[in-house]
């Protein structure tokens, strides 16, 4: 079979993981409210772990020197400016029914999913088995990531159905990345330069937007639980390094 078939099959399968959020539509509001902060912690941990344990090391290995670290700073600064613009655009009257970090999460996750698609395509173009291993690693990464992302969108103020639709739209970027990667012939020389920029965005979202939400929690037990889940998110990303 053509590598394109495997690329489309694996990326569509991965995008469906975002539908896991549909389960939350059947959860009672009081229960959902109790687990939202946990999902925020999980997403923050997955983002931090993904940035420091996957994206940055890969960029350093491919590019070398100080440039990857400079691009991380560029990514951090770009996401800061984008969030400031979104704040001006959506909260100019002082009322912000949907927090800007919800939109930021969609942007960051969309970029990350697109990069995943490029990487999956590149590996399938080299070897089918390598592509399957890479797709599996991405899928395992997406499970905690998408659960956390859905929770972040609801926590940011989106209605559950809208959060699910937007989260799936963001997840479909992995399919777009796979198609683009295939037609580029697996020669994505620009990918290593995008990785640290995406990492900078992830670090910004986790450190500036998500972790402060955990810090606001006044109840010791709830804070401790969400912080432990944050560490679990990092641990998951660490474990996935052994599958690469």
C-alpha atoms as a PDB file:
ATOM      1  CA  UNK A   1       0.000   0.000   0.000  1.00  0.00           C
ATOM      2  CA  UNK A   2       1.029   3.600  -0.590  1.00  0.00           C
ATOM      3  CA  UNK A   3       2.625   5.534   2.296  1.00  0.00           C
ATOM      4  CA  UNK A   4      -0.155   8.091   1.781  1.00  0.00           C
ATOM      5  CA  UNK A   5      -2.724   5.460   2.827  1.00  0.00           C
ATOM      6  CA  UNK A   6      -0.875   4.783   6.078  1.00  0.00           C
ATOM      7  CA  UNK A   7      -0.371   8.504   6.685  1.00  0.00           C
ATOM      8  CA  UNK A   8      -4.087   9.290   6.248  1.00  0.00           C
ATOM      9  CA  UNK A   9      -5.209   6.252   8.259  1.00  0.00           C
ATOM     10  CA  UNK A  10      -2.903   6.976  11.215  1.00  0.00           C
ATOM     11  CA  UNK A  11      -3.498  10.742  11.313  1.00  0.00           C
ATOM     12  CA  UNK A  12      -7.288  10.385  11.124  1.00  0.00           C
ATOM     13  CA  UNK A  13      -7.144   7.767  13.886  1.00  0.00           C
ATOM     14  CA  UNK A  14      -5.081  10.139  16.021  1.00  0.00           C
ATOM     15  CA  UNK A  15      -7.482  13.035  15.393  1.00  0.00           C
ATOM     16  CA  UNK A  16     -10.384  10.922  16.661  1.00  0.00           C
ATOM     17  CA  UNK A  17      -8.704  10.837  20.084  1.00  0.00           C
ATOM     18  CA  UNK A  18      -9.963  14.413  20.510  1.00  0.00           C
ATOM     19  CA  UNK A  19     -13.501  12.980  20.553  1.00  0.00           C
ATOM     20  CA  UNK A  20     -12.676  11.566  23.989  1.00  0.00           C
ATOM     21  CA  UNK A  21     -14.014  14.871  25.237  1.00  0.00           C
ATOM     22  CA  UNK A  22     -17.511  13.796  24.204  1.00  0.00           C
ATOM     23  CA  UNK A  23     -17.618  11.629  27.332  1.00  0.00           C
ATOM     24  CA  UNK A  24     -17.548  14.829  29.359  1.00  0.00           C
ATOM     25  CA  UNK A  25     -20.813  15.921  27.731  1.00  0.00           C
ATOM     26  CA  UNK A  26     -22.573  13.245  29.761  1.00  0.00           C
ATOM     27  CA  UNK A  27     -20.869  14.158  33.029  1.00  0.00           C
ATOM     28  CA  UNK A  28     -22.885  16.208  35.495  1.00  0.00           C
ATOM     29  CA  UNK A  29     -21.819  19.834  35.822  1.00  0.00           C
ATOM     30  CA  UNK A  30     -20.828  19.491  39.498  1.00  0.00           C
ATOM     31  CA  UNK A  31     -18.613  16.484  38.748  1.00  0.00           C
ATOM     32  CA  UNK A  32     -17.069  18.195  35.721  1.00  0.00           C
ATOM     33  CA  UNK A  33     -16.266  21.268  37.798  1.00  0.00           C
ATOM     34  CA  UNK A  34     -14.370  19.084  40.269  1.00  0.00           C
ATOM     35  CA  UNK A  35     -12.163  17.478  37.606  1.00  0.00           C
ATOM     36  CA  UNK A  36     -11.538  20.564  35.431  1.00  0.00           C
ATOM     37  CA  UNK A  37      -8.604  21.752  37.529  1.00  0.00           C
ATOM     38  CA  UNK A  38      -7.138  18.249  37.345  1.00  0.00           C
ATOM     39  CA  UNK A  39      -7.368  18.346  33.534  1.00  0.00           C
ATOM     40  CA  UNK A  40      -5.730  21.785  33.539  1.00  0.00           C
ATOM     41  CA  UNK A  41      -2.850  20.314  35.555  1.00  0.00           C
ATOM     42  CA  UNK A  42      -2.595  17.353  33.187  1.00  0.00           C
ATOM     43  CA  UNK A  43      -2.452  19.630  30.153  1.00  0.00           C
ATOM     44  CA  UNK A  44       0.172  21.874  31.767  1.00  0.00           C
ATOM     45  CA  UNK A  45       2.342  18.856  32.590  1.00  0.00           C
ATOM     46  CA  UNK A  46       1.962  17.391  29.099  1.00  0.00           C
ATOM     47  CA  UNK A  47       2.913  20.728  27.538  1.00  0.00           C
ATOM     48  CA  UNK A  48       5.947  21.244  29.773  1.00  0.00           C
ATOM     49  CA  UNK A  49       7.072  17.672  29.264  1.00  0.00           C
ATOM     50  CA  UNK A  50       6.483  17.827  25.526  1.00  0.00           C
ATOM     51  CA  UNK A  51       8.496  21.033  25.220  1.00  0.00           C
ATOM     52  CA  UNK A  52      11.501  20.088  27.369  1.00  0.00           C
ATOM     53  CA  UNK A  53      11.645  16.341  26.734  1.00  0.00           C
ATOM     54  CA  UNK A  54      10.650  16.110  23.066  1.00  0.00           C
ATOM     55  CA  UNK A  55      10.520  19.302  21.010  1.00  0.00           C
ATOM     56  CA  UNK A  56      13.635  21.092  22.311  1.00  0.00           C
ATOM     57  CA  UNK A  57      15.941  18.022  22.395  1.00  0.00           C
ATOM     58  CA  UNK A  58      14.868  17.108  18.855  1.00  0.00           C
ATOM     59  CA  UNK A  59      15.559  20.645  17.624  1.00  0.00           C
ATOM     60  CA  UNK A  60      18.972  20.754  19.352  1.00  0.00           C
ATOM     61  CA  UNK A  61      19.907  17.418  17.802  1.00  0.00           C
ATOM     62  CA  UNK A  62      18.857  18.541  14.312  1.00  0.00           C
ATOM     63  CA  UNK A  63      20.107  22.153  14.368  1.00  0.00           C
ATOM     64  CA  UNK A  64      22.751  22.340  17.085  1.00  0.00           C
ATOM     65  CA  UNK A  65      24.284  25.461  18.594  1.00  0.00           C
ATOM     66  CA  UNK A  66      22.401  28.215  20.369  1.00  0.00           C
ATOM     67  CA  UNK A  67      19.799  28.831  17.638  1.00  0.00           C
ATOM     68  CA  UNK A  68      17.196  26.343  18.981  1.00  0.00           C
ATOM     69  CA  UNK A  69      17.204  28.114  22.347  1.00  0.00           C
ATOM     70  CA  UNK A  70      16.810  31.500  20.674  1.00  0.00           C
ATOM     71  CA  UNK A  71      13.836  30.137  18.717  1.00  0.00           C
ATOM     72  CA  UNK A  72      12.278  28.923  21.991  1.00  0.00           C
ATOM     73  CA  UNK A  73      12.457  32.520  23.231  1.00  0.00           C
ATOM     74  CA  UNK A  74      10.988  33.710  19.914  1.00  0.00           C
ATOM     75  CA  UNK A  75       8.103  31.277  20.327  1.00  0.00           C
ATOM     76  CA  UNK A  76       7.539  32.403  23.920  1.00  0.00           C
ATOM     77  CA  UNK A  77       7.505  36.071  22.834  1.00  0.00           C
ATOM     78  CA  UNK A  78       5.213  35.430  19.857  1.00  0.00           C
ATOM     79  CA  UNK A  79       2.646  33.674  22.035  1.00  0.00           C
ATOM     80  CA  UNK A  80       2.852  36.521  24.547  1.00  0.00           C
ATOM     81  CA  UNK A  81       2.077  39.040  21.780  1.00  0.00           C
ATOM     82  CA  UNK A  82      -0.712  36.900  20.347  1.00  0.00           C
ATOM     83  CA  UNK A  83      -2.334  36.572  23.760  1.00  0.00           C
ATOM     84  CA  UNK A  84      -2.049  40.317  24.336  1.00  0.00           C
ATOM     85  CA  UNK A  85      -3.739  40.939  20.980  1.00  0.00           C
ATOM     86  CA  UNK A  86      -6.498  38.445  21.820  1.00  0.00           C
ATOM     87  CA  UNK A  87      -6.974  40.134  25.181  1.00  0.00           C
ATOM     88  CA  UNK A  88      -7.397  43.504  23.483  1.00  0.00           C
ATOM     89  CA  UNK A  89      -9.679  41.972  20.870  1.00  0.00           C
ATOM     90  CA  UNK A  90     -11.959  39.968  23.147  1.00  0.00           C
ATOM     91  CA  UNK A  91     -11.710  41.690  26.546  1.00  0.00           C
ATOM     92  CA  UNK A  92     -11.546  45.367  25.604  1.00  0.00           C
ATOM     93  CA  UNK A  93     -14.501  46.274  27.823  1.00  0.00           C
ATOM     94  CA  UNK A  94     -13.042  44.640  30.896  1.00  0.00           C
ATOM     95  CA  UNK A  95     -15.393  41.654  30.638  1.00  0.00           C
ATOM     96  CA  UNK A  96     -13.923  38.386  29.439  1.00  0.00           C
ATOM     97  CA  UNK A  97     -16.506  35.557  29.404  1.00  0.00           C
ATOM     98  CA  UNK A  98     -13.998  33.369  27.567  1.00  0.00           C
ATOM     99  CA  UNK A  99     -10.442  33.667  28.878  1.00  0.00           C
ATOM    100  CA  UNK A 100      -7.769  34.262  26.251  1.00  0.00           C
ATOM    101  CA  UNK A 101      -5.761  31.226  27.319  1.00  0.00           C
ATOM    102  CA  UNK A 102      -8.547  29.123  25.757  1.00  0.00           C
ATOM    103  CA  UNK A 103      -7.777  30.587  22.337  1.00  0.00           C
ATOM    104  CA  UNK A 104      -4.056  30.330  23.026  1.00  0.00           C
ATOM    105  CA  UNK A 105      -4.450  26.663  23.806  1.00  0.00           C
ATOM    106  CA  UNK A 106      -6.169  26.106  20.451  1.00  0.00           C
ATOM    107  CA  UNK A 107      -3.374  27.917  18.585  1.00  0.00           C
ATOM    108  CA  UNK A 108      -0.606  26.052  20.374  1.00  0.00           C
ATOM    109  CA  UNK A 109      -2.287  22.670  20.051  1.00  0.00           C
ATOM    110  CA  UNK A 110      -3.047  23.264  16.367  1.00  0.00           C
ATOM    111  CA  UNK A 111       0.611  24.030  15.607  1.00  0.00           C
ATOM    112  CA  UNK A 112       1.731  21.018  17.611  1.00  0.00           C
ATOM    113  CA  UNK A 113      -0.722  18.694  15.828  1.00  0.00           C
ATOM    114  CA  UNK A 114       0.400  19.994  12.427  1.00  0.00           C
ATOM    115  CA  UNK A 115       4.021  19.265  13.348  1.00  0.00           C
ATOM    116  CA  UNK A 116       3.025  15.781  14.497  1.00  0.00           C
ATOM    117  CA  UNK A 117       1.475  15.201  11.080  1.00  0.00           C
ATOM    118  CA  UNK A 118       4.658  16.334   9.320  1.00  0.00           C
ATOM    119  CA  UNK A 119       6.777  14.027  11.466  1.00  0.00           C
ATOM    120  CA  UNK A 120       4.448  11.055  10.928  1.00  0.00           C
ATOM    121  CA  UNK A 121       4.526  11.608   7.164  1.00  0.00           C
ATOM    122  CA  UNK A 122       8.320  11.888   7.130  1.00  0.00           C
ATOM    123  CA  UNK A 123       8.762   8.601   9.021  1.00  0.00           C
ATOM    124  CA  UNK A 124       6.268   6.701   6.852  1.00  0.00           C
ATOM    125  CA  UNK A 125       8.148   7.944   3.768  1.00  0.00           C
ATOM    126  CA  UNK A 126      11.308   6.349   5.178  1.00  0.00           C
ATOM    127  CA  UNK A 127       9.907   3.069   6.533  1.00  0.00           C
ATOM    128  CA  UNK A 128       6.376   1.795   7.258  1.00  0.00           C
ATOM    129  CA  UNK A 129       7.381   0.203  10.589  1.00  0.00           C
ATOM    130  CA  UNK A 130       9.085   3.401  11.734  1.00  0.00           C
ATOM    131  CA  UNK A 131       5.962   5.323  10.759  1.00  0.00           C
ATOM    132  CA  UNK A 132       3.737   2.988  12.787  1.00  0.00           C
ATOM    133  CA  UNK A 133       5.976   3.341  15.856  1.00  0.00           C
ATOM    134  CA  UNK A 134       5.951   7.130  15.498  1.00  0.00           C
ATOM    135  CA  UNK A 135       2.165   7.196  15.048  1.00  0.00           C
ATOM    136  CA  UNK A 136       1.745   5.061  18.179  1.00  0.00           C
ATOM    137  CA  UNK A 137       3.982   7.397  20.189  1.00  0.00           C
ATOM    138  CA  UNK A 138       2.004  10.427  18.969  1.00  0.00           C
ATOM    139  CA  UNK A 139      -1.312   8.705  19.775  1.00  0.00           C
ATOM    140  CA  UNK A 140      -0.217   7.910  23.333  1.00  0.00           C
ATOM    141  CA  UNK A 141       0.931  11.499  23.705  1.00  0.00           C
ATOM    142  CA  UNK A 142      -2.396  12.824  22.424  1.00  0.00           C
ATOM    143  CA  UNK A 143      -4.570  10.962  24.943  1.00  0.00           C
ATOM    144  CA  UNK A 144      -3.530  13.025  27.997  1.00  0.00           C
ATOM    145  CA  UNK A 145      -2.994  16.106  25.836  1.00  0.00           C
ATOM    146  CA  UNK A 146      -6.495  16.100  24.319  1.00  0.00           C
ATOM    147  CA  UNK A 147      -8.161  15.298  27.647  1.00  0.00           C
ATOM    148  CA  UNK A 148      -6.324  18.223  29.176  1.00  0.00           C
ATOM    149  CA  UNK A 149      -7.042  20.518  26.231  1.00  0.00           C
ATOM    150  CA  UNK A 150     -10.775  19.837  26.411  1.00  0.00           C
ATOM    151  CA  UNK A 151     -10.708  20.589  30.130  1.00  0.00           C
ATOM    152  CA  UNK A 152      -8.792  23.820  29.515  1.00  0.00           C
ATOM    153  CA  UNK A 153     -11.355  25.017  26.939  1.00  0.00           C
ATOM    154  CA  UNK A 154     -14.279  24.337  29.287  1.00  0.00           C
ATOM    155  CA  UNK A 155     -12.364  25.936  32.171  1.00  0.00           C
ATOM    156  CA  UNK A 156     -11.712  28.966  29.931  1.00  0.00           C
ATOM    157  CA  UNK A 157     -15.442  29.486  29.450  1.00  0.00           C
ATOM    158  CA  UNK A 158     -16.405  27.565  26.309  1.00  0.00           C
ATOM    159  CA  UNK A 159     -19.613  25.537  26.334  1.00  0.00           C
ATOM    160  CA  UNK A 160     -18.890  21.796  26.355  1.00  0.00           C
ATOM    161  CA  UNK A 161     -20.174  21.143  22.816  1.00  0.00           C
ATOM    162  CA  UNK A 162     -18.283  24.109  21.371  1.00  0.00           C
ATOM    163  CA  UNK A 163     -15.138  23.042  23.235  1.00  0.00           C
ATOM    164  CA  UNK A 164     -15.458  19.571  21.729  1.00  0.00           C
ATOM    165  CA  UNK A 165     -15.908  20.910  18.177  1.00  0.00           C
ATOM    166  CA  UNK A 166     -12.998  23.354  18.456  1.00  0.00           C
ATOM    167  CA  UNK A 167     -10.775  20.727  20.035  1.00  0.00           C
ATOM    168  CA  UNK A 168     -11.507  18.325  17.190  1.00  0.00           C
ATOM    169  CA  UNK A 169     -10.857  21.057  14.606  1.00  0.00           C
ATOM    170  CA  UNK A 170      -7.469  21.610  16.224  1.00  0.00           C
ATOM    171  CA  UNK A 171      -6.838  17.854  16.236  1.00  0.00           C
ATOM    172  CA  UNK A 172      -7.532  17.676  12.479  1.00  0.00           C
ATOM    173  CA  UNK A 173      -4.375  19.716  11.937  1.00  0.00           C
ATOM    174  CA  UNK A 174      -2.468  16.434  12.325  1.00  0.00           C
ATOM    175  CA  UNK A 175      -4.166  15.230   9.118  1.00  0.00           C
ATOM    176  CA  UNK A 176      -3.283  18.486   7.347  1.00  0.00           C
ATOM    177  CA  UNK A 177       0.320  18.112   8.487  1.00  0.00           C
ATOM    178  CA  UNK A 178       0.408  14.533   7.228  1.00  0.00           C
ATOM    179  CA  UNK A 179      -0.873  15.518   3.772  1.00  0.00           C
ATOM    180  CA  UNK A 180       1.524  18.465   3.493  1.00  0.00           C
ATOM    181  CA  UNK A 181       4.383  16.247   4.662  1.00  0.00           C
ATOM    182  CA  UNK A 182       3.589  13.617   2.041  1.00  0.00           C
ATOM    183  CA  UNK A 183       3.537  16.080  -0.856  1.00  0.00           C
ATOM    184  CA  UNK A 184       6.755  17.653   0.377  1.00  0.00           C
ATOM    185  CA  UNK A 185       8.287  14.233  -0.185  1.00  0.00           C
ATOM    186  CA  UNK A 186       9.408  13.760   3.416  1.00  0.00           C
ATOM    187  CA  UNK A 187      12.034  16.500   3.086  1.00  0.00           C
ATOM    188  CA  UNK A 188      10.750  18.934   5.713  1.00  0.00           C
ATOM    189  CA  UNK A 189      14.016  20.766   6.341  1.00  0.00           C
ATOM    190  CA  UNK A 190      12.075  23.540   8.053  1.00  0.00           C
ATOM    191  CA  UNK A 191      10.525  21.272  10.711  1.00  0.00           C
ATOM    192  CA  UNK A 192      13.503  21.448  13.135  1.00  0.00           C
ATOM    193  CA  UNK A 193      13.164  25.243  13.141  1.00  0.00           C
ATOM    194  CA  UNK A 194       9.441  25.127  13.934  1.00  0.00           C
ATOM    195  CA  UNK A 195       9.866  22.670  16.817  1.00  0.00           C
ATOM    196  CA  UNK A 196      11.538  25.110  19.255  1.00  0.00           C
ATOM    197  CA  UNK A 197       9.024  27.841  18.361  1.00  0.00           C
ATOM    198  CA  UNK A 198       6.192  25.452  19.221  1.00  0.00           C
ATOM    199  CA  UNK A 199       8.077  24.529  22.412  1.00  0.00           C
ATOM    200  CA  UNK A 200       8.280  28.191  23.405  1.00  0.00           C
ATOM    201  CA  UNK A 201       4.524  28.464  22.891  1.00  0.00           C
ATOM    202  CA  UNK A 202       3.879  25.406  25.031  1.00  0.00           C
ATOM    203  CA  UNK A 203       6.099  26.726  27.823  1.00  0.00           C
ATOM    204  CA  UNK A 204       4.296  30.070  27.691  1.00  0.00           C
ATOM    205  CA  UNK A 205       0.809  28.542  27.873  1.00  0.00           C
ATOM    206  CA  UNK A 206       1.757  26.154  30.688  1.00  0.00           C
ATOM    207  CA  UNK A 207       3.763  28.621  32.784  1.00  0.00           C
ATOM    208  CA  UNK A 208       1.832  31.847  32.231  1.00  0.00           C
ATOM    209  CA  UNK A 209      -1.746  30.663  31.767  1.00  0.00           C
ATOM    210  CA  UNK A 210      -2.327  27.190  33.208  1.00  0.00           C
ATOM    211  CA  UNK A 211      -0.088  26.863  36.282  1.00  0.00           C
ATOM    212  CA  UNK A 212      -1.319  30.178  37.740  1.00  0.00           C
ATOM    213  CA  UNK A 213      -4.836  28.693  37.627  1.00  0.00           C
ATOM    214  CA  UNK A 214      -3.605  25.870  39.869  1.00  0.00           C
ATOM    215  CA  UNK A 215      -1.967  28.426  42.139  1.00  0.00           C
ATOM    216  CA  UNK A 216      -5.326  30.147  42.681  1.00  0.00           C
ATOM    217  CA  UNK A 217      -6.779  27.022  44.292  1.00  0.00           C
ATOM    218  CA  UNK A 218      -7.242  27.694  48.002  1.00  0.00           C
ATOM    219  CA  UNK A 219      -8.057  24.148  49.118  1.00  0.00           C
ATOM    220  CA  UNK A 220      -4.892  22.202  49.944  1.00  0.00           C
ATOM    221  CA  UNK A 221      -6.204  18.800  48.853  1.00  0.00           C
ATOM    222  CA  UNK A 222      -7.468  20.011  45.466  1.00  0.00           C
ATOM    223  CA  UNK A 223      -4.226  21.901  44.837  1.00  0.00           C
ATOM    224  CA  UNK A 224      -2.126  18.882  45.820  1.00  0.00           C
ATOM    225  CA  UNK A 225      -4.179  16.604  43.556  1.00  0.00           C
ATOM    226  CA  UNK A 226      -3.909  18.905  40.541  1.00  0.00           C
ATOM    227  CA  UNK A 227      -0.165  19.385  41.127  1.00  0.00           C
ATOM    228  CA  UNK A 228       0.393  15.626  41.318  1.00  0.00           C
ATOM    229  CA  UNK A 229      -1.507  15.253  38.036  1.00  0.00           C
ATOM    230  CA  UNK A 230       0.740  17.978  36.593  1.00  0.00           C
ATOM    231  CA  UNK A 231       3.737  15.811  37.515  1.00  0.00           C
ATOM    232  CA  UNK A 232       1.970  12.775  36.020  1.00  0.00           C
ATOM    233  CA  UNK A 233       1.626  14.696  32.735  1.00  0.00           C
ATOM    234  CA  UNK A 234       5.384  15.308  32.724  1.00  0.00           C
ATOM    235  CA  UNK A 235       5.994  11.662  33.630  1.00  0.00           C
ATOM    236  CA  UNK A 236       3.913  10.508  30.668  1.00  0.00           C
ATOM    237  CA  UNK A 237       5.979  12.610  28.311  1.00  0.00           C
ATOM    238  CA  UNK A 238       9.161  11.179  29.858  1.00  0.00           C
ATOM    239  CA  UNK A 239       7.881   7.610  29.384  1.00  0.00           C
ATOM    240  CA  UNK A 240       7.116   8.305  25.721  1.00  0.00           C
ATOM    241  CA  UNK A 241      10.791   9.048  25.064  1.00  0.00           C
ATOM    242  CA  UNK A 242      11.416   5.319  25.338  1.00  0.00           C
ATOM    243  CA  UNK A 243       9.011   4.662  22.456  1.00  0.00           C
ATOM    244  CA  UNK A 244      10.725   7.004  20.029  1.00  0.00           C
END
